[in-house]
Protein backbone atom coordinates (compact mmCIF):
# COMPACT_ATOMS: atom_id res chain seq x y z
CA MET A 1 -9.42 95.74 79.24
CA GLU A 2 -11.81 96.90 81.67
CA LEU A 3 -10.20 96.69 85.19
CA THR A 4 -11.98 97.24 88.45
CA GLN A 5 -9.69 95.53 90.95
CA THR A 6 -6.26 95.94 89.36
CA LYS A 7 -4.23 98.58 87.45
CA TYR A 8 -2.22 98.21 84.34
CA GLU A 9 0.20 100.66 83.11
CA VAL A 10 2.93 100.57 80.58
CA GLU A 11 5.59 103.14 80.40
CA LYS A 12 9.14 103.09 78.81
CA GLY A 13 9.09 99.33 78.34
CA ILE A 14 7.94 98.44 82.06
CA ALA A 15 4.43 97.16 82.68
CA THR A 16 3.28 97.94 86.21
CA VAL A 17 0.54 95.74 87.60
CA THR A 18 -1.28 96.94 90.85
CA LEU A 19 -3.55 94.90 93.00
CA ASN A 20 -6.22 97.56 93.74
CA ARG A 21 -8.40 96.78 96.60
CA PRO A 22 -6.56 98.71 99.44
CA ASP A 23 -9.58 98.81 101.74
CA GLN A 24 -9.46 94.89 101.73
CA LEU A 25 -5.77 94.70 101.76
CA ASN A 26 -6.04 93.57 98.10
CA ALA A 27 -7.65 90.19 99.16
CA PHE A 28 -7.85 87.98 96.10
CA THR A 29 -11.36 87.47 94.36
CA LYS A 30 -12.63 85.74 91.07
CA VAL A 31 -12.59 89.25 89.46
CA MET A 32 -9.11 89.80 90.49
CA ARG A 33 -8.14 86.27 89.21
CA LYS A 34 -9.72 86.93 85.68
CA GLU A 35 -8.16 90.52 85.36
CA LEU A 36 -4.64 89.13 86.27
CA ILE A 37 -5.01 86.29 83.69
CA ASP A 38 -5.92 88.87 81.06
CA ILE A 39 -3.21 91.26 82.07
CA PHE A 40 -0.29 88.75 81.78
CA SER A 41 -1.59 87.41 78.36
CA ALA A 42 -1.64 91.23 77.21
CA ALA A 43 1.71 91.78 78.41
CA ASP A 44 3.11 88.60 76.75
CA GLN A 45 1.75 89.64 73.53
CA ASP A 46 2.96 93.21 73.69
CA ASP A 47 6.32 93.85 72.31
CA SER A 48 6.51 97.36 74.04
CA VAL A 49 6.59 95.44 77.43
CA ARG A 50 10.09 94.30 78.35
CA ALA A 51 9.48 93.63 81.93
CA VAL A 52 6.58 93.47 84.37
CA VAL A 53 6.37 94.82 87.93
CA VAL A 54 3.64 93.63 90.25
CA THR A 55 2.80 95.30 93.48
CA GLY A 56 -0.24 96.14 95.83
CA ALA A 57 -2.10 99.41 96.44
CA GLY A 58 -2.11 100.76 100.19
CA ARG A 59 -0.34 98.97 102.95
CA ALA A 60 -0.44 95.36 101.81
CA PHE A 61 0.52 93.28 98.76
CA CYS A 62 -2.21 90.77 99.06
CA ALA A 63 -3.90 89.54 102.27
CA GLY A 64 -4.96 86.16 100.62
CA ALA A 65 -8.29 85.03 99.47
CA ASP A 66 -11.07 87.04 100.24
CA LEU A 67 -12.89 85.23 103.10
CA SER A 68 -15.48 88.04 103.81
CA SER A 69 -18.48 85.68 102.81
CA GLY A 70 -17.98 83.41 105.81
CA ALA A 71 -17.11 79.91 106.69
CA GLY A 72 -18.08 78.43 103.24
CA ALA A 73 -15.84 80.90 101.26
CA PHE A 74 -13.70 78.14 99.77
CA GLU A 75 -16.76 75.95 98.94
CA ARG A 76 -18.46 78.79 97.18
CA ALA A 77 -15.35 79.84 95.53
CA MET A 78 -14.90 76.25 93.89
CA GLN A 79 -18.27 76.21 92.60
CA ASP A 80 -17.72 79.43 90.88
CA GLY A 81 -21.40 80.18 90.17
CA ARG A 82 -22.04 76.46 88.76
CA ASN A 83 -21.67 72.96 89.79
CA VAL A 84 -18.35 71.65 89.14
CA SER A 85 -17.00 68.22 89.34
CA LEU A 86 -13.66 67.10 91.13
CA ALA A 87 -12.22 66.26 87.75
CA GLU A 88 -13.35 69.88 86.24
CA HIS A 89 -12.36 72.09 88.90
CA ARG A 90 -9.07 74.23 88.41
CA ASP A 91 -7.84 76.21 91.27
CA GLY A 92 -8.02 80.12 90.64
CA GLY A 93 -4.72 80.86 92.01
CA GLY A 94 -3.16 78.10 90.00
CA GLN A 95 -4.78 79.94 86.86
CA VAL A 96 -2.96 83.03 87.69
CA SER A 97 0.34 81.36 88.49
CA LEU A 98 0.35 79.64 85.09
CA ALA A 99 -0.49 82.93 83.41
CA ILE A 100 2.51 84.31 85.01
CA PHE A 101 4.72 81.34 84.28
CA ARG A 102 3.77 81.38 80.70
CA CYS A 103 4.60 85.16 80.25
CA ARG A 104 7.68 85.53 78.28
CA LYS A 105 8.65 88.67 79.88
CA PRO A 106 10.51 88.83 83.19
CA VAL A 107 8.03 89.30 86.19
CA ILE A 108 9.22 91.10 89.29
CA GLY A 109 7.24 90.99 92.44
CA ALA A 110 7.56 94.32 94.58
CA ILE A 111 5.83 92.97 97.75
CA ASN A 112 5.30 96.26 99.35
CA GLY A 113 3.50 94.70 102.41
CA HIS A 114 1.64 91.61 103.88
CA ALA A 115 1.47 88.63 101.58
CA VAL A 116 -0.48 85.59 102.86
CA GLY A 117 -2.02 82.44 101.27
CA VAL A 118 -2.54 83.10 97.50
CA GLY A 119 -0.93 86.56 98.29
CA ILE A 120 2.35 84.85 98.44
CA THR A 121 2.05 81.80 96.40
CA MET A 122 1.25 83.95 93.32
CA THR A 123 4.45 85.44 93.59
CA LEU A 124 6.36 82.12 93.26
CA PRO A 125 6.29 81.94 89.44
CA MET A 126 7.75 85.52 89.32
CA ASP A 127 11.21 85.58 88.27
CA ILE A 128 12.36 88.06 91.07
CA ARG A 129 10.87 88.99 94.40
CA ILE A 130 11.76 92.07 96.28
CA VAL A 131 9.86 92.51 99.69
CA SER A 132 9.17 94.95 102.42
CA GLU A 133 11.21 93.83 105.72
CA ASP A 134 7.98 94.39 107.68
CA ALA A 135 5.70 92.32 105.44
CA LYS A 136 3.95 89.42 107.05
CA ILE A 137 4.19 86.46 105.03
CA GLY A 138 2.42 83.08 105.44
CA PHE A 139 1.70 79.89 103.86
CA VAL A 140 -1.28 79.49 106.09
CA PHE A 141 -3.32 76.83 104.14
CA ALA A 142 -3.12 74.06 106.91
CA ARG A 143 -4.61 76.66 109.48
CA ARG A 144 -7.45 77.24 107.34
CA GLY A 145 -8.20 73.42 106.60
CA VAL A 146 -7.10 73.53 103.07
CA VAL A 147 -3.82 72.97 101.12
CA PRO A 148 -1.32 74.72 99.23
CA GLU A 149 -2.43 75.86 95.72
CA ALA A 150 -1.55 78.00 93.00
CA CYS A 151 1.11 75.48 91.81
CA SER A 152 3.04 76.12 94.95
CA SER A 153 3.97 72.60 95.64
CA TRP A 154 5.94 72.79 92.52
CA PHE A 155 7.56 76.39 92.77
CA LEU A 156 8.27 76.53 96.50
CA PRO A 157 10.67 73.57 96.97
CA ARG A 158 12.56 74.59 93.81
CA ILE A 159 13.10 78.02 95.19
CA VAL A 160 13.75 77.40 98.89
CA GLY A 161 14.26 73.78 98.94
CA ILE A 162 12.01 70.90 100.45
CA SER A 163 12.94 71.30 104.12
CA LYS A 164 12.28 75.06 104.27
CA ALA A 165 9.09 74.71 102.26
CA ALA A 166 7.96 71.85 104.55
CA GLU A 167 8.42 73.80 107.61
CA TRP A 168 6.37 76.76 106.27
CA ILE A 169 3.60 74.66 104.83
CA TYR A 170 3.15 72.12 107.85
CA THR A 171 3.01 74.99 110.58
CA GLY A 172 1.18 77.63 108.46
CA ARG A 173 2.94 80.16 110.57
CA VAL A 174 3.05 83.72 109.61
CA PHE A 175 6.59 85.45 109.83
CA ARG A 176 8.20 88.74 108.99
CA ALA A 177 10.11 88.82 105.65
CA SER A 178 13.19 90.03 107.72
CA GLU A 179 13.12 86.83 109.62
CA GLU A 180 13.60 84.91 106.47
CA ALA A 181 15.89 87.13 104.44
CA ASN A 182 18.33 84.44 103.81
CA SER A 183 15.79 81.75 102.79
CA GLY A 184 16.19 82.35 99.19
CA LEU A 185 12.35 83.33 98.81
CA PHE A 186 13.38 86.92 98.34
CA ASN A 187 16.04 88.59 96.14
CA HIS A 188 16.21 91.69 98.30
CA VAL A 189 14.55 92.46 101.73
CA LEU A 190 14.28 96.40 101.99
CA PRO A 191 12.42 99.05 103.83
CA THR A 192 9.00 99.46 102.64
CA ASP A 193 9.49 102.79 100.69
CA LYS A 194 12.50 101.27 98.65
CA VAL A 195 10.73 98.11 97.44
CA LEU A 196 8.99 99.55 94.27
CA GLU A 197 12.00 101.64 93.54
CA LYS A 198 14.20 98.67 93.56
CA ALA A 199 11.89 96.70 91.31
CA MET A 200 11.79 99.47 88.93
CA THR A 201 15.55 99.85 88.79
CA ILE A 202 16.00 96.18 87.84
CA ALA A 203 12.97 96.28 85.47
CA ARG A 204 14.73 99.58 83.78
CA GLU A 205 18.01 97.64 83.56
CA ILE A 206 16.33 94.75 81.59
CA ALA A 207 14.42 97.25 79.39
CA GLU A 208 17.22 99.46 78.42
CA ASN A 209 20.10 96.99 78.05
CA THR A 210 18.89 93.50 76.97
CA SER A 211 17.72 91.76 73.87
CA ALA A 212 14.02 90.90 74.26
CA ILE A 213 14.73 87.59 72.58
CA SER A 214 17.68 86.73 74.57
CA VAL A 215 15.70 87.23 77.81
CA ALA A 216 12.60 85.00 76.73
CA LEU A 217 14.86 82.37 75.83
CA GLY A 218 16.95 82.74 78.95
CA LYS A 219 13.85 82.59 80.90
CA ALA A 220 12.47 79.46 79.26
CA LEU A 221 15.91 77.65 79.72
CA LEU A 222 16.07 78.49 83.49
CA TRP A 223 12.45 77.30 84.27
CA HIS A 224 12.22 74.36 82.06
CA ALA A 225 15.63 72.93 82.80
CA HIS A 226 13.74 71.76 86.03
CA ALA A 227 12.11 69.11 83.84
CA GLU A 228 15.31 67.80 82.32
CA ALA A 229 16.63 64.51 83.65
CA ASP A 230 20.28 65.62 83.82
CA PRO A 231 22.59 68.43 82.70
CA GLN A 232 23.50 66.68 79.52
CA SER A 233 19.88 66.98 78.45
CA ALA A 234 19.91 70.87 79.24
CA HIS A 235 23.26 71.01 77.24
CA LEU A 236 21.44 69.76 74.24
CA ILE A 237 18.85 72.46 74.60
CA ASP A 238 20.97 75.46 75.33
CA SER A 239 23.49 74.38 72.56
CA LYS A 240 20.52 74.61 70.02
CA CYS A 241 19.46 77.94 71.57
CA PHE A 242 23.00 79.51 71.48
CA TYR A 243 23.50 78.27 67.96
CA TRP A 244 20.39 79.92 66.82
CA ALA A 245 20.81 83.14 68.73
CA GLY A 246 24.39 83.54 67.41
CA LEU A 247 23.03 83.77 63.97
CA GLN A 248 20.52 86.53 64.45
CA LYS A 249 20.63 90.34 64.04
CA ASP A 250 20.41 90.85 67.89
CA SER A 251 23.64 89.00 68.33
CA ARG A 252 25.55 91.20 65.82
CA GLU A 253 24.28 94.13 67.36
CA GLY A 254 25.05 93.04 70.73
CA VAL A 255 28.79 92.49 69.71
CA GLN A 256 29.00 95.57 67.74
CA SER A 257 27.61 97.85 70.34
CA PHE A 258 30.18 96.34 72.82
CA LEU A 259 33.06 97.12 70.38
CA GLU A 260 31.54 100.64 69.83
CA LYS A 261 31.23 101.20 73.55
CA ARG A 262 27.59 102.24 73.12
CA LYS A 263 24.02 101.02 74.29
CA PRO A 264 22.65 98.23 72.10
CA ARG A 265 19.79 98.81 69.81
CA PHE A 266 17.96 95.33 69.72
CA THR A 267 15.19 95.07 67.39
CA MET A 268 13.99 91.41 67.42
CA LYS A 269 10.52 90.74 68.89
CA VAL A 270 9.27 88.13 71.15
CA SER A 271 5.92 88.05 69.27
CA SER A 272 7.09 87.28 65.76
CA ASP A 273 10.95 86.27 65.96
CA MET A 274 11.22 83.45 68.28
CA PRO A 275 12.89 80.36 66.80
CA ASP A 276 10.70 77.65 65.24
CA PHE A 277 11.70 75.25 67.77
CA TYR A 278 10.36 77.24 70.53
CA PRO A 279 8.71 76.05 72.55
CA TRP A 280 10.73 72.71 72.68
CA TRP A 281 8.78 71.28 75.78
CA LYS A 282 5.31 69.68 75.63
CA GLU A 283 2.65 71.59 77.31
CA PRO A 284 0.38 69.34 79.39
CA LYS A 285 -3.51 70.01 78.70
CA VAL A 286 -4.98 71.69 81.70
């Protein structure tokens, strides 16, 4: 991949994605959108990647959409260089969110600084969020005359509840992460210099100790149980997954390594060894 506004590095099972426009506070552009979609597709297919950490270069994570082109910035962004109808248009932030959501590897947001607009909504499909206590966070869409995007109307209430989501969306206010440390939006609120370190510690724990197949299936069970009507439906699906997993070599290795008091050596691959009933949900055409 040729990357100009992001960086992508893989080392010891951990992919690090860096939003890389520090002089513009990593403001979101069409180029960044395309690069992020390509990156998450690559991470999903690469069996050497066990976890993905996303952070920002410089003092911000992402200051939101790049509005430097002036008052018509959103209008120009929607046209995307050609005439697009209402029915055809697909929100760019949403395309990134869906790429993250579809990635079978755990994604950890290391929010090292300010995250506003799409800068925070793109983190909602990430599985874990770690944030700088001084970071300014804002779902500012109503203050810009637009609406929540990046599938955030689906993700945000599921993470923090409808009332907290409504407060943030309706007011559009900007707040320090430390003010909302107990909201459920963040797993950890830390000093800035500890954010990436904590994210990497969690990523290493996943990479060094877990089965890639188990994590991929666990991620799917957690996210897609939201679509089930009741716990009985979830019971049918997790019963199927547990039955299948218990017959696989990773399960045998997991038990044997526990008995021998050593680290497991899991060998099954997400790219080739997922069960034939995966995915069990029906993907809508977007």
